[in-house]
């Protein structure tokens, strides 16, 4: 049996051409895949940097809000302490009879009773008709106003907190 060398040579040549084409395609696609991988890596790096920048901006906003809230809390505490000191001083002055509370009385509501008017600070000038309150009643009135003052101060603090939390600070340039 005779070996057809031409056929074997042609098949071998075809196989070498096919393998060469395959290798060239591999190099070309390898280059494209490497370029695509580089672009993908660049994109991921840019996204990571953008996310880090956004996270830092949000942390800065949070820190600024925390600082504003801390300052507001300090102001609230100072107001509350000052109000409590003022109320304690008022209660002490009422308890020691250093201060008396009085109320204005309508001249027509005295029922014909003669209630002496309190004298002014500089003389015996009669002003509107006033009645002095019992010290125990004055203490209760002061306690009620103390609770009211503390409630108003707490309400102001809550409103300031709600306003600070609900408003978005403008993003830094």
C-alpha atoms as a PDB file:
ATOM      1  CA  UNK A   1       0.000   0.000   0.000  1.00  0.00           C
ATOM      2  CA  UNK A   2       1.408   3.291  -1.018  1.00  0.00           C
ATOM      3  CA  UNK A   3       1.203   6.212   1.346  1.00  0.00           C
ATOM      4  CA  UNK A   4      -0.116   9.284  -0.402  1.00  0.00           C
ATOM      5  CA  UNK A   5       2.483  11.702   0.795  1.00  0.00           C
ATOM      6  CA  UNK A   6       0.809  14.614  -0.841  1.00  0.00           C
ATOM      7  CA  UNK A   7      -2.373  13.962   1.069  1.00  0.00           C
ATOM      8  CA  UNK A   8      -0.462  13.562   4.317  1.00  0.00           C
ATOM      9  CA  UNK A   9       1.457  16.753   3.577  1.00  0.00           C
ATOM     10  CA  UNK A  10      -1.751  18.622   2.762  1.00  0.00           C
ATOM     11  CA  UNK A  11      -3.457  17.391   5.952  1.00  0.00           C
ATOM     12  CA  UNK A  12      -0.388  18.252   8.002  1.00  0.00           C
ATOM     13  CA  UNK A  13      -0.220  21.669   6.404  1.00  0.00           C
ATOM     14  CA  UNK A  14      -3.937  22.177   7.087  1.00  0.00           C
ATOM     15  CA  UNK A  15      -3.464  21.142  10.733  1.00  0.00           C
ATOM     16  CA  UNK A  16      -0.521  23.514  11.136  1.00  0.00           C
ATOM     17  CA  UNK A  17      -2.529  26.345   9.566  1.00  0.00           C
ATOM     18  CA  UNK A  18      -5.494  25.554  11.793  1.00  0.00           C
ATOM     19  CA  UNK A  19      -3.279  25.462  14.927  1.00  0.00           C
ATOM     20  CA  UNK A  20      -1.600  28.710  13.869  1.00  0.00           C
ATOM     21  CA  UNK A  21      -4.960  30.399  13.344  1.00  0.00           C
ATOM     22  CA  UNK A  22      -6.084  29.080  16.691  1.00  0.00           C
ATOM     23  CA  UNK A  23      -2.964  30.532  18.349  1.00  0.00           C
ATOM     24  CA  UNK A  24      -3.418  33.916  16.647  1.00  0.00           C
ATOM     25  CA  UNK A  25      -7.066  34.009  17.783  1.00  0.00           C
ATOM     26  CA  UNK A  26      -5.933  33.092  21.308  1.00  0.00           C
ATOM     27  CA  UNK A  27      -3.439  35.976  21.345  1.00  0.00           C
ATOM     28  CA  UNK A  28      -5.984  38.424  19.961  1.00  0.00           C
ATOM     29  CA  UNK A  29      -8.766  37.402  22.383  1.00  0.00           C
ATOM     30  CA  UNK A  30      -6.259  37.281  25.235  1.00  0.00           C
ATOM     31  CA  UNK A  31      -5.340  40.886  24.514  1.00  0.00           C
ATOM     32  CA  UNK A  32      -9.002  41.882  24.380  1.00  0.00           C
ATOM     33  CA  UNK A  33      -9.743  40.061  27.637  1.00  0.00           C
ATOM     34  CA  UNK A  34      -6.757  41.707  29.338  1.00  0.00           C
ATOM     35  CA  UNK A  35      -7.930  45.136  28.175  1.00  0.00           C
ATOM     36  CA  UNK A  36     -11.473  44.401  29.324  1.00  0.00           C
ATOM     37  CA  UNK A  37     -10.158  43.220  32.699  1.00  0.00           C
ATOM     38  CA  UNK A  38      -8.088  46.412  33.080  1.00  0.00           C
ATOM     39  CA  UNK A  39     -11.112  48.590  32.255  1.00  0.00           C
ATOM     40  CA  UNK A  40     -13.247  46.606  34.686  1.00  0.00           C
ATOM     41  CA  UNK A  41     -10.634  47.058  37.419  1.00  0.00           C
ATOM     42  CA  UNK A  42     -10.448  50.801  36.708  1.00  0.00           C
ATOM     43  CA  UNK A  43     -14.224  51.080  36.899  1.00  0.00           C
ATOM     44  CA  UNK A  44     -14.320  49.193  40.202  1.00  0.00           C
ATOM     45  CA  UNK A  45     -11.573  51.438  41.595  1.00  0.00           C
ATOM     46  CA  UNK A  46     -13.514  54.558  40.575  1.00  0.00           C
ATOM     47  CA  UNK A  47     -16.697  53.202  42.160  1.00  0.00           C
ATOM     48  CA  UNK A  48     -14.808  52.358  45.340  1.00  0.00           C
ATOM     49  CA  UNK A  49     -13.339  55.865  45.493  1.00  0.00           C
ATOM     50  CA  UNK A  50     -16.754  57.444  44.900  1.00  0.00           C
ATOM     51  CA  UNK A  51     -18.303  55.269  47.625  1.00  0.00           C
ATOM     52  CA  UNK A  52     -15.498  56.150  50.055  1.00  0.00           C
ATOM     53  CA  UNK A  53     -15.956  59.858  49.306  1.00  0.00           C
ATOM     54  CA  UNK A  54     -19.718  59.604  49.814  1.00  0.00           C
ATOM     55  CA  UNK A  55     -19.224  57.677  53.047  1.00  0.00           C
ATOM     56  CA  UNK A  56     -16.782  60.305  54.332  1.00  0.00           C
ATOM     57  CA  UNK A  57     -19.244  63.075  53.454  1.00  0.00           C
ATOM     58  CA  UNK A  58     -22.018  61.270  55.354  1.00  0.00           C
ATOM     59  CA  UNK A  59     -19.714  60.751  58.339  1.00  0.00           C
ATOM     60  CA  UNK A  60     -18.857  64.456  58.273  1.00  0.00           C
ATOM     61  CA  UNK A  61     -22.557  65.350  58.189  1.00  0.00           C
ATOM     62  CA  UNK A  62     -23.242  62.991  61.072  1.00  0.00           C
ATOM     63  CA  UNK A  63     -20.383  64.430  63.102  1.00  0.00           C
ATOM     64  CA  UNK A  64     -21.624  67.981  62.462  1.00  0.00           C
ATOM     65  CA  UNK A  65     -25.147  66.957  63.507  1.00  0.00           C
ATOM     66  CA  UNK A  66     -23.825  65.269  66.651  1.00  0.00           C
ATOM     67  CA  UNK A  67     -21.873  68.409  67.515  1.00  0.00           C
ATOM     68  CA  UNK A  68     -24.926  70.625  66.975  1.00  0.00           C
ATOM     69  CA  UNK A  69     -27.050  68.287  69.103  1.00  0.00           C
ATOM     70  CA  UNK A  70     -24.404  68.245  71.850  1.00  0.00           C
ATOM     71  CA  UNK A  71     -24.330  72.058  71.862  1.00  0.00           C
ATOM     72  CA  UNK A  72     -28.128  72.146  71.939  1.00  0.00           C
ATOM     73  CA  UNK A  73     -28.178  69.639  74.810  1.00  0.00           C
ATOM     74  CA  UNK A  74     -25.647  71.738  76.710  1.00  0.00           C
ATOM     75  CA  UNK A  75     -27.754  74.860  76.175  1.00  0.00           C
ATOM     76  CA  UNK A  76     -30.874  72.975  77.290  1.00  0.00           C
ATOM     77  CA  UNK A  77     -29.104  71.723  80.411  1.00  0.00           C
ATOM     78  CA  UNK A  78     -27.887  75.237  81.236  1.00  0.00           C
ATOM     79  CA  UNK A  79     -31.390  76.685  80.788  1.00  0.00           C
ATOM     80  CA  UNK A  80     -32.857  73.933  82.951  1.00  0.00           C
ATOM     81  CA  UNK A  81     -30.244  74.477  85.669  1.00  0.00           C
ATOM     82  CA  UNK A  82     -30.768  78.252  85.617  1.00  0.00           C
ATOM     83  CA  UNK A  83     -34.551  77.828  85.829  1.00  0.00           C
ATOM     84  CA  UNK A  84     -34.199  75.397  88.745  1.00  0.00           C
ATOM     85  CA  UNK A  85     -31.844  77.787  90.560  1.00  0.00           C
ATOM     86  CA  UNK A  86     -34.242  80.697  90.023  1.00  0.00           C
ATOM     87  CA  UNK A  87     -37.175  78.644  91.276  1.00  0.00           C
ATOM     88  CA  UNK A  88     -35.213  77.444  94.310  1.00  0.00           C
ATOM     89  CA  UNK A  89     -34.247  81.030  95.106  1.00  0.00           C
ATOM     90  CA  UNK A  90     -37.879  82.111  94.750  1.00  0.00           C
ATOM     91  CA  UNK A  91     -39.055  79.275  97.011  1.00  0.00           C
ATOM     92  CA  UNK A  92     -36.409  80.177  99.602  1.00  0.00           C
ATOM     93  CA  UNK A  93     -37.391  83.845  99.545  1.00  0.00           C
ATOM     94  CA  UNK A  94     -41.049  82.904  99.966  1.00  0.00           C
ATOM     95  CA  UNK A  95     -40.223  80.507 102.807  1.00  0.00           C
ATOM     96  CA  UNK A  96     -38.192  83.121 104.696  1.00  0.00           C
ATOM     97  CA  UNK A  97     -40.877  85.790 104.243  1.00  0.00           C
ATOM     98  CA  UNK A  98     -38.347  87.853 102.329  1.00  0.00           C
ATOM     99  CA  UNK A  99     -40.831  87.942  99.479  1.00  0.00           C
ATOM    100  CA  UNK A 100     -44.607  87.910  99.470  1.00  0.00           C
ATOM    101  CA  UNK A 101     -46.866  87.152  96.540  1.00  0.00           C
ATOM    102  CA  UNK A 102     -49.956  89.253  96.068  1.00  0.00           C
ATOM    103  CA  UNK A 103     -52.743  89.419  93.529  1.00  0.00           C
ATOM    104  CA  UNK A 104     -54.712  92.307  92.098  1.00  0.00           C
ATOM    105  CA  UNK A 105     -58.295  92.408  93.228  1.00  0.00           C
ATOM    106  CA  UNK A 106     -61.035  93.996  91.205  1.00  0.00           C
ATOM    107  CA  UNK A 107     -62.490  96.813  93.290  1.00  0.00           C
ATOM    108  CA  UNK A 108     -66.000  95.641  92.511  1.00  0.00           C
ATOM    109  CA  UNK A 109     -65.371  92.022  93.564  1.00  0.00           C
ATOM    110  CA  UNK A 110     -64.448  92.735  97.189  1.00  0.00           C
ATOM    111  CA  UNK A 111     -68.086  92.601  98.160  1.00  0.00           C
ATOM    112  CA  UNK A 112     -67.995  95.872 100.007  1.00  0.00           C
ATOM    113  CA  UNK A 113     -65.057  94.758 102.185  1.00  0.00           C
ATOM    114  CA  UNK A 114     -62.310  97.225 102.515  1.00  0.00           C
ATOM    115  CA  UNK A 115     -59.030  95.553 101.522  1.00  0.00           C
ATOM    116  CA  UNK A 116     -56.105  97.880 102.081  1.00  0.00           C
ATOM    117  CA  UNK A 117     -53.935  98.524  99.053  1.00  0.00           C
ATOM    118  CA  UNK A 118     -50.245  97.788  99.380  1.00  0.00           C
ATOM    119  CA  UNK A 119     -48.079 100.845  99.578  1.00  0.00           C
ATOM    120  CA  UNK A 120     -45.604 101.643  96.848  1.00  0.00           C
ATOM    121  CA  UNK A 121     -41.877 101.239  97.381  1.00  0.00           C
ATOM    122  CA  UNK A 122     -41.282 104.961  97.819  1.00  0.00           C
ATOM    123  CA  UNK A 123     -44.180 106.092  99.972  1.00  0.00           C
ATOM    124  CA  UNK A 124     -47.742 105.706 101.043  1.00  0.00           C
ATOM    125  CA  UNK A 125     -49.296 106.189  97.619  1.00  0.00           C
ATOM    126  CA  UNK A 126     -52.305 103.934  97.276  1.00  0.00           C
ATOM    127  CA  UNK A 127     -52.353 101.908  94.071  1.00  0.00           C
ATOM    128  CA  UNK A 128     -54.673  99.180  92.864  1.00  0.00           C
ATOM    129  CA  UNK A 129     -56.212  96.930  95.472  1.00  0.00           C
ATOM    130  CA  UNK A 130     -54.014  93.874  96.171  1.00  0.00           C
ATOM    131  CA  UNK A 131     -54.355  90.867  98.471  1.00  0.00           C
ATOM    132  CA  UNK A 132     -51.365  89.023  99.850  1.00  0.00           C
ATOM    133  CA  UNK A 133     -51.303  85.254  99.343  1.00  0.00           C
ATOM    134  CA  UNK A 134     -50.740  82.759 102.086  1.00  0.00           C
ATOM    135  CA  UNK A 135     -47.113  81.509 101.933  1.00  0.00           C
ATOM    136  CA  UNK A 136     -48.247  77.874 101.507  1.00  0.00           C
ATOM    137  CA  UNK A 137     -50.385  78.845  98.510  1.00  0.00           C
ATOM    138  CA  UNK A 138     -47.511  80.908  97.128  1.00  0.00           C
ATOM    139  CA  UNK A 139     -45.233  77.851  97.430  1.00  0.00           C
ATOM    140  CA  UNK A 140     -47.746  75.734  95.480  1.00  0.00           C
ATOM    141  CA  UNK A 141     -48.014  78.397  92.768  1.00  0.00           C
ATOM    142  CA  UNK A 142     -44.238  78.564  92.489  1.00  0.00           C
ATOM    143  CA  UNK A 143     -44.071  74.743  92.233  1.00  0.00           C
ATOM    144  CA  UNK A 144     -46.648  74.790  89.426  1.00  0.00           C
ATOM    145  CA  UNK A 145     -44.778  77.507  87.548  1.00  0.00           C
ATOM    146  CA  UNK A 146     -41.530  75.583  88.097  1.00  0.00           C
ATOM    147  CA  UNK A 147     -43.013  72.500  86.433  1.00  0.00           C
ATOM    148  CA  UNK A 148     -44.369  74.683  83.634  1.00  0.00           C
ATOM    149  CA  UNK A 149     -40.985  76.318  83.085  1.00  0.00           C
ATOM    150  CA  UNK A 150     -39.254  72.946  82.975  1.00  0.00           C
ATOM    151  CA  UNK A 151     -41.878  71.672  80.542  1.00  0.00           C
ATOM    152  CA  UNK A 152     -41.403  74.666  78.252  1.00  0.00           C
ATOM    153  CA  UNK A 153     -37.626  74.279  78.326  1.00  0.00           C
ATOM    154  CA  UNK A 154     -37.946  70.549  77.539  1.00  0.00           C
ATOM    155  CA  UNK A 155     -40.378  71.342  74.710  1.00  0.00           C
ATOM    156  CA  UNK A 156     -37.944  73.864  73.229  1.00  0.00           C
ATOM    157  CA  UNK A 157     -35.161  71.272  73.430  1.00  0.00           C
ATOM    158  CA  UNK A 158     -37.339  68.656  71.707  1.00  0.00           C
ATOM    159  CA  UNK A 159     -38.300  71.096  68.974  1.00  0.00           C
ATOM    160  CA  UNK A 160     -34.669  72.060  68.424  1.00  0.00           C
ATOM    161  CA  UNK A 161     -33.701  68.369  68.248  1.00  0.00           C
ATOM    162  CA  UNK A 162     -36.481  67.553  65.775  1.00  0.00           C
ATOM    163  CA  UNK A 163     -35.533  70.524  63.618  1.00  0.00           C
ATOM    164  CA  UNK A 164     -31.834  69.612  63.667  1.00  0.00           C
ATOM    165  CA  UNK A 165     -32.489  65.976  62.787  1.00  0.00           C
ATOM    166  CA  UNK A 166     -35.135  66.621  60.127  1.00  0.00           C
ATOM    167  CA  UNK A 167     -33.300  69.326  58.187  1.00  0.00           C
ATOM    168  CA  UNK A 168     -30.593  68.147  55.850  1.00  0.00           C
ATOM    169  CA  UNK A 169     -27.465  70.241  55.940  1.00  0.00           C
ATOM    170  CA  UNK A 170     -26.269  71.286  52.480  1.00  0.00           C
ATOM    171  CA  UNK A 171     -23.528  69.098  51.101  1.00  0.00           C
ATOM    172  CA  UNK A 172     -20.053  70.602  51.457  1.00  0.00           C
ATOM    173  CA  UNK A 173     -18.578  71.905  48.186  1.00  0.00           C
END
